Structure formats: C-alpha cells, structure tokens
Amino acid sequence: MDLEANKPEDWSKLSDSDIISTIDTSKSIQSYTIPTVETISASFLMNQFINIKHCTILVGMPGTGKTQIIKGLLNDLCAKNPIYIQQIINFNFYTDANAL
C-alpha cells in the first residue's frame, strides 16, 4: 500500500529484482518458486498470517501451484529463522490415518 498516495501498489514491487543470480543450478527446479504476482501475493499474505500465529490454507484447482508456494514459503522461513523446521509428507487419494 502506498500510504502517501493512499492507493494500493502492484504486488510485483515486492519481487526480488535479481532472481537469476540466486538460482543454484545444482539443485532441482522443484527447489525454487519463481516469483510471479500470484506467488508473491500468496506468500506475502501467508507470511502475515504466520507472523500473527494464525493458520492458513491454500485452496485451488490441481496444478495451480499450491504445493510449490508452500514449499517456497517453508524454505524461506527455515533459511531465515532457526526456530522453523519442515517435514514434507505427500498425500494422495489413498492416504489415510493408518498410512501416516
């Protein structure tokens, strides 16, 4: 939000200007979340909820990038703050409580 002009700003202004220099080509492409307007806005809002200790959930059609946005957010949180750790558990249609 541009407080001086009292109008909303574009999400793309929160993007890192030089994403290419931060990519380690020895890692798989799944290790990265490419910043688009959608990933930037979702990550920003989820970070705001995390900061106030409020649970969030992403909802959307298959293939919209929900998992990748969450992985990118968790990777950033764990890299910046040692109090966060992550464990990824893959679910599918056949996953039930006994399988966990």
PDB file of N, CA and C in Angstrom:
ATOM      1  N   MET A   1       0.840  -1.169   0.000  1.00  0.00           N
ATOM      2  CA  MET A   1       0.000   0.000   0.000  1.00  0.00           C
ATOM      3  C   MET A   1       0.891   1.241   0.000  1.00  0.00           C
ATOM      4  N   ASP A   2       0.633   2.135  -0.896  1.00  0.00           N
ATOM      5  CA  ASP A   2       1.329   3.415  -0.936  1.00  0.00           C
ATOM      6  C   ASP A   2       0.570   4.371  -0.019  1.00  0.00           C
ATOM      7  N   LEU A   3       1.106   4.575   1.186  1.00  0.00           N
ATOM      8  CA  LEU A   3       0.407   5.378   2.181  1.00  0.00           C
ATOM      9  C   LEU A   3       0.379   6.855   1.824  1.00  0.00           C
ATOM     10  N   GLU A   4       1.398   7.336   1.138  1.00  0.00           N
ATOM     11  CA  GLU A   4       1.415   8.748   0.758  1.00  0.00           C
ATOM     12  C   GLU A   4       0.368   9.070  -0.293  1.00  0.00           C
ATOM     13  N   ALA A   5       0.233   8.189  -1.280  1.00  0.00           N
ATOM     14  CA  ALA A   5      -0.751   8.410  -2.337  1.00  0.00           C
ATOM     15  C   ALA A   5      -2.111   7.814  -1.985  1.00  0.00           C
ATOM     16  N   ASN A   6      -2.156   7.024  -0.892  1.00  0.00           N
ATOM     17  CA  ASN A   6      -3.392   6.383  -0.439  1.00  0.00           C
ATOM     18  C   ASN A   6      -4.015   5.506  -1.530  1.00  0.00           C
ATOM     19  N   LYS A   7      -3.164   4.664  -2.117  1.00  0.00           N
ATOM     20  CA  LYS A   7      -3.654   3.744  -3.136  1.00  0.00           C
ATOM     21  C   LYS A   7      -2.848   2.450  -3.068  1.00  0.00           C
ATOM     22  N   PRO A   8      -3.436   1.339  -3.506  1.00  0.00           N
ATOM     23  CA  PRO A   8      -2.693   0.065  -3.488  1.00  0.00           C
ATOM     24  C   PRO A   8      -1.618   0.049  -4.574  1.00  0.00           C
ATOM     25  N   GLU A   9      -0.529  -0.638  -4.267  1.00  0.00           N
ATOM     26  CA  GLU A   9       0.542  -0.791  -5.239  1.00  0.00           C
ATOM     27  C   GLU A   9       0.507  -2.196  -5.822  1.00  0.00           C
ATOM     28  N   ASP A  10       1.188  -2.375  -6.930  1.00  0.00           N
ATOM     29  CA  ASP A  10       1.241  -3.667  -7.590  1.00  0.00           C
ATOM     30  C   ASP A  10       2.088  -4.639  -6.783  1.00  0.00           C
ATOM     31  N   TRP A  11       1.660  -5.909  -6.699  1.00  0.00           N
ATOM     32  CA  TRP A  11       2.388  -6.943  -5.957  1.00  0.00           C
ATOM     33  C   TRP A  11       3.791  -7.139  -6.509  1.00  0.00           C
ATOM     34  N   SER A  12       3.990  -6.899  -7.784  1.00  0.00           N
ATOM     35  CA  SER A  12       5.295  -7.162  -8.395  1.00  0.00           C
ATOM     36  C   SER A  12       6.400  -6.292  -7.799  1.00  0.00           C
ATOM     37  N   LYS A  13       6.064  -5.206  -7.104  1.00  0.00           N
ATOM     38  CA  LYS A  13       7.083  -4.366  -6.479  1.00  0.00           C
ATOM     39  C   LYS A  13       7.775  -5.078  -5.323  1.00  0.00           C
ATOM     40  N   LEU A  14       7.172  -6.164  -4.806  1.00  0.00           N
ATOM     41  CA  LEU A  14       7.793  -6.931  -3.730  1.00  0.00           C
ATOM     42  C   LEU A  14       8.757  -7.988  -4.249  1.00  0.00           C
ATOM     43  N   SER A  15       8.852  -8.124  -5.551  1.00  0.00           N
ATOM     44  CA  SER A  15       9.714  -9.139  -6.159  1.00  0.00           C
ATOM     45  C   SER A  15      11.182  -8.794  -5.982  1.00  0.00           C
ATOM     46  N   ASP A  16      12.006  -9.851  -5.816  1.00  0.00           N
ATOM     47  CA  ASP A  16      13.453  -9.653  -5.829  1.00  0.00           C
ATOM     48  C   ASP A  16      13.843  -9.244  -7.243  1.00  0.00           C
ATOM     49  N   SER A  17      14.657  -8.237  -7.346  1.00  0.00           N
ATOM     50  CA  SER A  17      14.987  -7.718  -8.668  1.00  0.00           C
ATOM     51  C   SER A  17      15.907  -8.649  -9.459  1.00  0.00           C
ATOM     52  N   ASP A  18      16.721  -9.443  -8.770  1.00  0.00           N
ATOM     53  CA  ASP A  18      17.693 -10.274  -9.472  1.00  0.00           C
ATOM     54  C   ASP A  18      17.559 -11.733  -9.044  1.00  0.00           C
ATOM     55  N   ILE A  19      16.472 -12.386  -9.431  1.00  0.00           N
ATOM     56  CA  ILE A  19      16.219 -13.779  -9.055  1.00  0.00           C
ATOM     57  C   ILE A  19      17.227 -14.720  -9.723  1.00  0.00           C
ATOM     58  N   ILE A  20      17.694 -14.379 -10.920  1.00  0.00           N
ATOM     59  CA  ILE A  20      18.574 -15.276 -11.671  1.00  0.00           C
ATOM     60  C   ILE A  20      19.888 -15.512 -10.937  1.00  0.00           C
ATOM     61  N   SER A  21      20.424 -14.510 -10.274  1.00  0.00           N
ATOM     62  CA  SER A  21      21.711 -14.673  -9.591  1.00  0.00           C
ATOM     63  C   SER A  21      21.597 -15.554  -8.352  1.00  0.00           C
ATOM     64  N   THR A  22      20.377 -15.782  -7.845  1.00  0.00           N
ATOM     65  CA  THR A  22      20.199 -16.590  -6.641  1.00  0.00           C
ATOM     66  C   THR A  22      19.926 -18.055  -6.947  1.00  0.00           C
ATOM     67  N   ILE A  23      19.776 -18.415  -8.208  1.00  0.00           N
ATOM     68  CA  ILE A  23      19.445 -19.797  -8.569  1.00  0.00           C
ATOM     69  C   ILE A  23      20.706 -20.639  -8.619  1.00  0.00           C
ATOM     70  N   ASP A  24      20.712 -21.717  -7.841  1.00  0.00           N
ATOM     71  CA  ASP A  24      21.810 -22.686  -7.828  1.00  0.00           C
ATOM     72  C   ASP A  24      21.422 -23.807  -8.782  1.00  0.00           C
ATOM     73  N   THR A  25      22.087 -23.897  -9.917  1.00  0.00           N
ATOM     74  CA  THR A  25      21.710 -24.869 -10.945  1.00  0.00           C
ATOM     75  C   THR A  25      22.012 -26.310 -10.554  1.00  0.00           C
ATOM     76  N   SER A  26      22.698 -26.528  -9.436  1.00  0.00           N
ATOM     77  CA  SER A  26      22.941 -27.896  -8.991  1.00  0.00           C
ATOM     78  C   SER A  26      21.705 -28.482  -8.303  1.00  0.00           C
ATOM     79  N   LYS A  27      20.745 -27.620  -7.929  1.00  0.00           N
ATOM     80  CA  LYS A  27      19.508 -28.078  -7.293  1.00  0.00           C
ATOM     81  C   LYS A  27      18.437 -28.289  -8.356  1.00  0.00           C
ATOM     82  N   SER A  28      17.447 -29.104  -8.011  1.00  0.00           N
ATOM     83  CA  SER A  28      16.362 -29.361  -8.964  1.00  0.00           C
ATOM     84  C   SER A  28      15.462 -28.135  -9.080  1.00  0.00           C
ATOM     85  N   ILE A  29      14.739 -28.062 -10.166  1.00  0.00           N
ATOM     86  CA  ILE A  29      13.853 -26.928 -10.422  1.00  0.00           C
ATOM     87  C   ILE A  29      12.736 -26.855  -9.378  1.00  0.00           C
ATOM     88  N   GLN A  30      12.373 -27.999  -8.773  1.00  0.00           N
ATOM     89  CA  GLN A  30      11.342 -28.013  -7.742  1.00  0.00           C
ATOM     90  C   GLN A  30      11.783 -27.294  -6.475  1.00  0.00           C
ATOM     91  N   SER A  31      13.067 -26.994  -6.353  1.00  0.00           N
ATOM     92  CA  SER A  31      13.589 -26.306  -5.180  1.00  0.00           C
ATOM     93  C   SER A  31      13.311 -24.805  -5.210  1.00  0.00           C
ATOM     94  N   TYR A  32      12.789 -24.311  -6.300  1.00  0.00           N
ATOM     95  CA  TYR A  32      12.604 -22.880  -6.467  1.00  0.00           C
ATOM     96  C   TYR A  32      11.151 -22.531  -6.718  1.00  0.00           C
ATOM     97  N   THR A  33      10.765 -21.375  -6.221  1.00  0.00           N
ATOM     98  CA  THR A  33       9.471 -20.798  -6.539  1.00  0.00           C
ATOM     99  C   THR A  33       9.753 -19.514  -7.305  1.00  0.00           C
ATOM    100  N   ILE A  34       9.394 -19.497  -8.566  1.00  0.00           N
ATOM    101  CA  ILE A  34       9.636 -18.318  -9.392  1.00  0.00           C
ATOM    102  C   ILE A  34       8.629 -17.248  -8.994  1.00  0.00           C
ATOM    103  N   PRO A  35       9.097 -16.052  -8.663  1.00  0.00           N
ATOM    104  CA  PRO A  35       8.176 -15.015  -8.206  1.00  0.00           C
ATOM    105  C   PRO A  35       7.306 -14.464  -9.328  1.00  0.00           C
ATOM    106  N   THR A  36       6.027 -14.733  -9.228  1.00  0.00           N
ATOM    107  CA  THR A  36       5.024 -14.130 -10.101  1.00  0.00           C
ATOM    108  C   THR A  36       4.113 -13.307  -9.198  1.00  0.00           C
ATOM    109  N   VAL A  37       3.220 -12.561  -9.778  1.00  0.00           N
ATOM    110  CA  VAL A  37       2.300 -11.765  -8.965  1.00  0.00           C
ATOM    111  C   VAL A  37       1.510 -12.675  -8.022  1.00  0.00           C
ATOM    112  N   GLU A  38       1.107 -13.850  -8.505  1.00  0.00           N
ATOM    113  CA  GLU A  38       0.317 -14.771  -7.690  1.00  0.00           C
ATOM    114  C   GLU A  38       1.134 -15.360  -6.545  1.00  0.00           C
ATOM    115  N   THR A  39       2.369 -15.807  -6.830  1.00  0.00           N
ATOM    116  CA  THR A  39       3.179 -16.395  -5.761  1.00  0.00           C
ATOM    117  C   THR A  39       3.622 -15.338  -4.754  1.00  0.00           C
ATOM    118  N   ILE A  40       3.899 -14.138  -5.222  1.00  0.00           N
ATOM    119  CA  ILE A  40       4.289 -13.057  -4.316  1.00  0.00           C
ATOM    120  C   ILE A  40       3.148 -12.699  -3.379  1.00  0.00           C
ATOM    121  N   SER A  41       1.948 -12.532  -3.922  1.00  0.00           N
ATOM    122  CA  SER A  41       0.812 -12.140  -3.085  1.00  0.00           C
ATOM    123  C   SER A  41       0.440 -13.242  -2.101  1.00  0.00           C
ATOM    124  N   ALA A  42       0.422 -14.491  -2.560  1.00  0.00           N
ATOM    125  CA  ALA A  42       0.077 -15.605  -1.658  1.00  0.00           C
ATOM    126  C   ALA A  42       1.122 -15.742  -0.553  1.00  0.00           C
ATOM    127  N   SER A  43       2.401 -15.651  -0.899  1.00  0.00           N
ATOM    128  CA  SER A  43       3.458 -15.761   0.109  1.00  0.00           C
ATOM    129  C   SER A  43       3.408 -14.607   1.104  1.00  0.00           C
ATOM    130  N   PHE A  44       3.169 -13.395   0.602  1.00  0.00           N
ATOM    131  CA  PHE A  44       3.089 -12.237   1.488  1.00  0.00           C
ATOM    132  C   PHE A  44       1.951 -12.404   2.490  1.00  0.00           C
ATOM    133  N   LEU A  45       0.768 -12.764   1.992  1.00  0.00           N
ATOM    134  CA  LEU A  45      -0.383 -12.914   2.882  1.00  0.00           C
ATOM    135  C   LEU A  45      -0.174 -14.047   3.878  1.00  0.00           C
ATOM    136  N   MET A  46       0.396 -15.165   3.423  1.00  0.00           N
ATOM    137  CA  MET A  46       0.644 -16.277   4.337  1.00  0.00           C
ATOM    138  C   MET A  46       1.677 -15.898   5.392  1.00  0.00           C
ATOM    139  N   ASN A  47       2.708 -15.137   5.017  1.00  0.00           N
ATOM    140  CA  ASN A  47       3.687 -14.655   5.996  1.00  0.00           C
ATOM    141  C   ASN A  47       3.025 -13.766   7.045  1.00  0.00           C
ATOM    142  N   GLN A  48       2.094 -12.929   6.613  1.00  0.00           N
ATOM    143  CA  GLN A  48       1.395 -12.066   7.562  1.00  0.00           C
ATOM    144  C   GLN A  48       0.595 -12.905   8.564  1.00  0.00           C
ATOM    145  N   PHE A  49      -0.062 -13.950   8.087  1.00  0.00           N
ATOM    146  CA  PHE A  49      -0.812 -14.829   8.988  1.00  0.00           C
ATOM    147  C   PHE A  49       0.128 -15.590   9.925  1.00  0.00           C
ATOM    148  N   ILE A  50       1.255 -16.045   9.413  1.00  0.00           N
ATOM    149  CA  ILE A  50       2.230 -16.759  10.243  1.00  0.00           C
ATOM    150  C   ILE A  50       2.755 -15.843  11.341  1.00  0.00           C
ATOM    151  N   ASN A  51       3.017 -14.586  11.005  1.00  0.00           N
ATOM    152  CA  ASN A  51       3.537 -13.631  11.986  1.00  0.00           C
ATOM    153  C   ASN A  51       2.573 -13.391  13.149  1.00  0.00           C
ATOM    154  N   ILE A  52       1.271 -13.529  12.902  1.00  0.00           N
ATOM    155  CA  ILE A  52       0.305 -13.358  13.990  1.00  0.00           C
ATOM    156  C   ILE A  52      -0.183 -14.714  14.519  1.00  0.00           C
ATOM    157  N   LYS A  53       0.538 -15.782  14.135  1.00  0.00           N
ATOM    158  CA  LYS A  53       0.247 -17.141  14.593  1.00  0.00           C
ATOM    159  C   LYS A  53      -1.186 -17.580  14.263  1.00  0.00           C
ATOM    160  N   HIS A  54      -1.557 -17.364  13.012  1.00  0.00           N
ATOM    161  CA  HIS A  54      -2.880 -17.739  12.531  1.00  0.00           C
ATOM    162  C   HIS A  54      -2.718 -18.776  11.423  1.00  0.00           C
ATOM    163  N   CYS A  55      -3.466 -19.865  11.496  1.00  0.00           N
ATOM    164  CA  CYS A  55      -3.362 -20.935  10.497  1.00  0.00           C
ATOM    165  C   CYS A  55      -3.950 -20.490   9.167  1.00  0.00           C
ATOM    166  N   THR A  56      -3.365 -20.986   8.097  1.00  0.00           N
ATOM    167  CA  THR A  56      -3.852 -20.671   6.755  1.00  0.00           C
ATOM    168  C   THR A  56      -3.952 -21.945   5.935  1.00  0.00           C
ATOM    169  N   ILE A  57      -4.679 -21.866   4.850  1.00  0.00           N
ATOM    170  CA  ILE A  57      -4.774 -22.980   3.914  1.00  0.00           C
ATOM    171  C   ILE A  57      -4.937 -22.398   2.513  1.00  0.00           C
ATOM    172  N   LEU A  58      -4.285 -23.012   1.553  1.00  0.00           N
ATOM    173  CA  LEU A  58      -4.452 -22.604   0.162  1.00  0.00           C
ATOM    174  C   LEU A  58      -5.440 -23.543  -0.504  1.00  0.00           C
ATOM    175  N   VAL A  59      -6.359 -22.988  -1.247  1.00  0.00           N
ATOM    176  CA  VAL A  59      -7.385 -23.768  -1.926  1.00  0.00           C
ATOM    177  C   VAL A  59      -7.346 -23.401  -3.402  1.00  0.00           C
ATOM    178  N   GLY A  60      -7.437 -24.407  -4.265  1.00  0.00           N
ATOM    179  CA  GLY A  60      -7.451 -24.138  -5.695  1.00  0.00           C
ATOM    180  C   GLY A  60      -7.483 -25.419  -6.494  1.00  0.00           C
ATOM    181  N   MET A  61      -7.638 -25.264  -7.761  1.00  0.00           N
ATOM    182  CA  MET A  61      -7.686 -26.406  -8.673  1.00  0.00           C
ATOM    183  C   MET A  61      -6.314 -27.081  -8.735  1.00  0.00           C
ATOM    184  N   PRO A  62      -6.274 -28.358  -9.127  1.00  0.00           N
ATOM    185  CA  PRO A  62      -4.986 -29.032  -9.289  1.00  0.00           C
ATOM    186  C   PRO A  62      -4.113 -28.307 -10.312  1.00  0.00           C
ATOM    187  N   GLY A  63      -2.816 -28.218  -9.994  1.00  0.00           N
ATOM    188  CA  GLY A  63      -1.881 -27.613 -10.925  1.00  0.00           C
ATOM    189  C   GLY A  63      -1.736 -26.110 -10.810  1.00  0.00           C
ATOM    190  N   THR A  64      -2.351 -25.500  -9.809  1.00  0.00           N
ATOM    191  CA  THR A  64      -2.260 -24.043  -9.677  1.00  0.00           C
ATOM    192  C   THR A  64      -1.051 -23.592  -8.875  1.00  0.00           C
ATOM    193  N   GLY A  65      -0.275 -24.521  -8.318  1.00  0.00           N
ATOM    194  CA  GLY A  65       0.963 -24.167  -7.637  1.00  0.00           C
ATOM    195  C   GLY A  65       0.870 -24.060  -6.133  1.00  0.00           C
ATOM    196  N   LYS A  66      -0.189 -24.601  -5.542  1.00  0.00           N
ATOM    197  CA  LYS A  66      -0.352 -24.514  -4.083  1.00  0.00           C
ATOM    198  C   LYS A  66       0.823 -25.150  -3.356  1.00  0.00           C
ATOM    199  N   THR A  67       1.180 -26.346  -3.727  1.00  0.00           N
ATOM    200  CA  THR A  67       2.272 -27.062  -3.071  1.00  0.00           C
ATOM    201  C   THR A  67       3.587 -26.318  -3.252  1.00  0.00           C
ATOM    202  N   GLN A  68       3.849 -25.825  -4.441  1.00  0.00           N
ATOM    203  CA  GLN A  68       5.101 -25.123  -4.708  1.00  0.00           C
ATOM    204  C   GLN A  68       5.183 -23.816  -3.921  1.00  0.00           C
ATOM    205  N   ILE A  69       4.069 -23.109  -3.783  1.00  0.00           N
ATOM    206  CA  ILE A  69       4.062 -21.874  -2.990  1.00  0.00           C
ATOM    207  C   ILE A  69       4.371 -22.186  -1.532  1.00  0.00           C
ATOM    208  N   ILE A  70       3.767 -23.237  -1.002  1.00  0.00           N
ATOM    209  CA  ILE A  70       4.008 -23.624   0.392  1.00  0.00           C
ATOM    210  C   ILE A  70       5.463 -24.053   0.584  1.00  0.00           C
ATOM    211  N   LYS A  71       5.986 -24.856  -0.346  1.00  0.00           N
ATOM    212  CA  LYS A  71       7.388 -25.284  -0.241  1.00  0.00           C
ATOM    213  C   LYS A  71       8.332 -24.083  -0.269  1.00  0.00           C
ATOM    214  N   GLY A  72       8.074 -23.137  -1.149  1.00  0.00           N
ATOM    215  CA  GLY A  72       8.901 -21.940  -1.215  1.00  0.00           C
ATOM    216  C   GLY A  72       8.832 -21.131   0.065  1.00  0.00           C
ATOM    217  N   LEU A  73       7.629 -20.999   0.612  1.00  0.00           N
ATOM    218  CA  LEU A  73       7.444 -20.269   1.862  1.00  0.00           C
ATOM    219  C   LEU A  73       8.173 -20.954   3.015  1.00  0.00           C
ATOM    220  N   LEU A  74       8.043 -22.276   3.114  1.00  0.00           N
ATOM    221  CA  LEU A  74       8.719 -23.013   4.181  1.00  0.00           C
ATOM    222  C   LEU A  74      10.239 -22.957   4.032  1.00  0.00           C
ATOM    223  N   ASN A  75      10.729 -23.071   2.812  1.00  0.00           N
ATOM    224  CA  ASN A  75      12.184 -22.970   2.590  1.00  0.00           C
ATOM    225  C   ASN A  75      12.704 -21.608   3.039  1.00  0.00           C
ATOM    226  N   ASP A  76      11.974 -20.542   2.714  1.00  0.00           N
ATOM    227  CA  ASP A  76      12.387 -19.196   3.132  1.00  0.00           C
ATOM    228  C   ASP A  76      12.345 -19.047   4.639  1.00  0.00           C
ATOM    229  N   LEU A  77      11.273 -19.532   5.257  1.00  0.00           N
ATOM    230  CA  LEU A  77      11.156 -19.428   6.715  1.00  0.00           C
ATOM    231  C   LEU A  77      12.274 -20.180   7.428  1.00  0.00           C
ATOM    232  N   CYS A  78      12.555 -21.397   6.987  1.00  0.00           N
ATOM    233  CA  CYS A  78      13.590 -22.214   7.626  1.00  0.00           C
ATOM    234  C   CYS A  78      14.986 -21.631   7.403  1.00  0.00           C
ATOM    235  N   ALA A  79      15.211 -21.023   6.248  1.00  0.00           N
ATOM    236  CA  ALA A  79      16.520 -20.441   5.968  1.00  0.00           C
ATOM    237  C   ALA A  79      16.759 -19.166   6.777  1.00  0.00           C
ATOM    238  N   LYS A  80      15.696 -18.413   7.040  1.00  0.00           N
ATOM    239  CA  LYS A  80      15.843 -17.124   7.724  1.00  0.00           C
ATOM    240  C   LYS A  80      15.739 -17.212   9.239  1.00  0.00           C
ATOM    241  N   ASN A  81      15.078 -18.240   9.745  1.00  0.00           N
ATOM    242  CA  ASN A  81      14.837 -18.302  11.183  1.00  0.00           C
ATOM    243  C   ASN A  81      15.001 -19.742  11.670  1.00  0.00           C
ATOM    244  N   PRO A  82      15.947 -19.998  12.567  1.00  0.00           N
ATOM    245  CA  PRO A  82      16.211 -21.374  13.006  1.00  0.00           C
ATOM    246  C   PRO A  82      15.112 -21.986  13.871  1.00  0.00           C
ATOM    247  N   ILE A  83      14.110 -21.219  14.270  1.00  0.00           N
ATOM    248  CA  ILE A  83      13.029 -21.814  15.072  1.00  0.00           C
ATOM    249  C   ILE A  83      12.061 -22.608  14.203  1.00  0.00           C
ATOM    250  N   TYR A  84      12.144 -22.441  12.887  1.00  0.00           N
ATOM    251  CA  TYR A  84      11.267 -23.170  11.972  1.00  0.00           C
ATOM    252  C   TYR A  84      11.986 -24.371  11.389  1.00  0.00           C
ATOM    253  N   ILE A  85      11.288 -25.505  11.335  1.00  0.00           N
ATOM    254  CA  ILE A  85      11.762 -26.689  10.626  1.00  0.00           C
ATOM    255  C   ILE A  85      10.602 -27.193   9.785  1.00  0.00           C
ATOM    256  N   GLN A  86      10.908 -28.010   8.816  1.00  0.00           N
ATOM    257  CA  GLN A  86       9.841 -28.527   7.966  1.00  0.00           C
ATOM    258  C   GLN A  86       9.994 -30.024   7.747  1.00  0.00           C
ATOM    259  N   GLN A  87       8.866 -30.669   7.585  1.00  0.00           N
ATOM    260  CA  GLN A  87       8.817 -32.075   7.218  1.00  0.00           C
ATOM    261  C   GLN A  87       7.705 -32.216   6.194  1.00  0.00           C
ATOM    262  N   ILE A  88       8.035 -32.693   5.024  1.00  0.00           N
ATOM    263  CA  ILE A  88       7.046 -32.812   3.955  1.00  0.00           C
ATOM    264  C   ILE A  88       6.519 -34.232   3.917  1.00  0.00           C
ATOM    265  N   ILE A  89       5.205 -34.353   3.954  1.00  0.00           N
ATOM    266  CA  ILE A  89       4.520 -35.645   3.843  1.00  0.00           C
ATOM    267  C   ILE A  89       3.596 -35.557   2.644  1.00  0.00           C
ATOM    268  N   ASN A  90       3.808 -36.403   1.662  1.00  0.00           N
ATOM    269  CA  ASN A  90       2.972 -36.389   0.467  1.00  0.00           C
ATOM    270  C   ASN A  90       1.696 -37.184   0.702  1.00  0.00           C
ATOM    271  N   PHE A  91       0.576 -36.565   0.364  1.00  0.00           N
ATOM    272  CA  PHE A  91      -0.729 -37.203   0.472  1.00  0.00           C
ATOM    273  C   PHE A  91      -1.281 -37.440  -0.920  1.00  0.00           C
ATOM    274  N   ASN A  92      -2.143 -38.410  -1.037  1.00  0.00           N
ATOM    275  CA  ASN A  92      -2.907 -38.603  -2.253  1.00  0.00           C
ATOM    276  C   ASN A  92      -4.263 -39.190  -1.871  1.00  0.00           C
ATOM    277  N   PHE A  93      -5.018 -39.619  -2.843  1.00  0.00           N
ATOM    278  CA  PHE A  93      -6.361 -40.144  -2.622  1.00  0.00           C
ATOM    279  C   PHE A  93      -6.367 -41.327  -1.658  1.00  0.00           C
ATOM    280  N   TYR A  94      -5.318 -42.143  -1.682  1.00  0.00           N
ATOM    281  CA  TYR A  94      -5.264 -43.358  -0.877  1.00  0.00           C
ATOM    282  C   TYR A  94      -4.688 -43.162   0.526  1.00  0.00           C
ATOM    283  N   THR A  95      -4.206 -41.965   0.832  1.00  0.00           N
ATOM    284  CA  THR A  95      -3.615 -41.710   2.151  1.00  0.00           C
ATOM    285  C   THR A  95      -4.704 -41.653   3.207  1.00  0.00           C
ATOM    286  N   ASP A  96      -4.518 -42.424   4.274  1.00  0.00           N
ATOM    287  CA  ASP A  96      -5.448 -42.374   5.396  1.00  0.00           C
ATOM    288  C   ASP A  96      -4.633 -42.272   6.699  1.00  0.00           C
ATOM    289  N   ALA A  97      -5.302 -42.217   7.815  1.00  0.00           N
ATOM    290  CA  ALA A  97      -4.618 -42.060   9.104  1.00  0.00           C
ATOM    291  C   ALA A  97      -3.684 -43.227   9.389  1.00  0.00           C
ATOM    292  N   ASN A  98      -4.039 -44.431   8.994  1.00  0.00           N
ATOM    293  CA  ASN A  98      -3.189 -45.607   9.250  1.00  0.00           C
ATOM    294  C   ASN A  98      -1.881 -45.525   8.453  1.00  0.00           C
ATOM    295  N   ALA A  99      -1.918 -44.927   7.275  1.00  0.00           N
ATOM    296  CA  ALA A  99      -0.722 -44.823   6.452  1.00  0.00           C
ATOM    297  C   ALA A  99       0.265 -43.820   7.024  1.00  0.00           C
ATOM    298  N   LEU A 100      -0.217 -42.863   7.801  1.00  0.00           N
ATOM    299  CA  LEU A 100       0.671 -41.862   8.382  1.00  0.00           C
ATOM    300  C   LEU A 100       1.393 -42.450   9.550  1.00  0.00           C
TER     301      LEU A 100
END
